[in-house]
Amino acid sequence: MKDEYDFSKAERGKFHRTNIQLTPPVHLDAEILVYLAAKAEARGTSLNELVNELLRKDIELIEAAG
């Protein structure tokens, strides 16, 4: 790294985007990933769709209970 950097031509907020929604990565344990990937393949769907479906059902259960 340099001792000094020249920021005289920098633009504040040049890359800032308002109302952007970032998708954080979700890390599954290896055995969970293997199990869900096999279930998704057996159903003919993607892993992403299966996980979202399962989470929606869990949310419904949580809302119904609470």
Protein backbone atom coordinates (compact mmCIF):
# COMPACT_ATOMS: atom_id res chain seq x y z
CA MET A 1 0.00 0.00 0.00
CA LYS A 2 1.07 3.53 -0.60
CA ASP A 3 1.74 5.80 2.35
CA GLU A 4 -0.57 8.40 0.82
CA TYR A 5 -3.47 8.29 -1.65
CA ASP A 6 -4.80 11.18 -3.71
CA PHE A 7 -8.54 11.62 -3.22
CA SER A 8 -8.70 15.11 -4.76
CA LYS A 9 -10.77 13.88 -7.73
CA ALA A 10 -12.96 11.49 -5.76
CA GLU A 11 -16.76 11.72 -5.84
CA ARG A 12 -18.59 11.13 -2.59
CA GLY A 13 -21.34 8.51 -2.99
CA LYS A 14 -20.41 7.66 -6.59
CA PHE A 15 -21.41 4.01 -6.17
CA HIS A 16 -24.22 4.48 -3.65
CA ARG A 17 -27.59 3.19 -4.82
CA THR A 18 -30.75 3.98 -2.90
CA ASN A 19 -33.42 1.35 -2.37
CA ILE A 20 -31.14 -1.50 -3.30
CA GLN A 21 -31.90 -4.85 -1.72
CA LEU A 22 -28.92 -7.09 -1.14
CA THR A 23 -29.31 -10.83 -0.85
CA PRO A 24 -27.06 -12.13 1.91
CA PRO A 25 -25.49 -15.54 1.42
CA VAL A 26 -26.96 -18.37 3.48
CA HIS A 27 -24.59 -21.11 4.52
CA LEU A 28 -26.12 -24.51 5.24
CA ASP A 29 -24.45 -27.31 7.14
CA ALA A 30 -23.09 -29.95 4.78
CA GLU A 31 -25.55 -32.67 5.81
CA ILE A 32 -28.51 -30.28 5.48
CA LEU A 33 -27.35 -29.20 2.04
CA VAL A 34 -26.98 -32.79 0.83
CA TYR A 35 -30.40 -33.75 2.18
CA LEU A 36 -32.23 -30.73 0.73
CA ALA A 37 -30.43 -30.98 -2.62
CA ALA A 38 -31.56 -34.60 -2.94
CA LYS A 39 -35.16 -33.66 -2.01
CA ALA A 40 -35.16 -30.80 -4.52
CA GLU A 41 -33.85 -33.05 -7.28
CA ALA A 42 -36.46 -35.71 -6.48
CA ARG A 43 -39.20 -33.09 -6.72
CA GLY A 44 -37.80 -31.64 -9.93
CA THR A 45 -37.30 -28.20 -8.40
CA SER A 46 -34.34 -26.05 -7.50
CA LEU A 47 -32.73 -26.02 -4.09
CA ASN A 48 -33.56 -22.33 -3.80
CA GLU A 49 -37.27 -22.93 -4.46
CA LEU A 50 -37.41 -25.82 -1.98
CA VAL A 51 -35.72 -23.83 0.80
CA ASN A 52 -38.02 -20.85 0.21
CA GLU A 53 -41.07 -23.12 0.32
CA LEU A 54 -39.92 -24.70 3.59
CA LEU A 55 -39.21 -21.32 5.14
CA ARG A 56 -42.63 -19.98 4.08
CA LYS A 57 -44.28 -22.94 5.80
CA ASP A 58 -42.23 -22.34 8.94
CA ILE A 59 -43.22 -18.66 8.93
CA GLU A 60 -46.89 -19.66 8.64
CA LEU A 61 -46.50 -21.98 11.64
CA ILE A 62 -44.75 -19.28 13.67
CA GLU A 63 -47.45 -16.73 12.82
CA ALA A 64 -50.24 -19.17 13.64
CA ALA A 65 -48.70 -20.00 17.02
CA GLY A 66 -47.88 -16.52 18.06
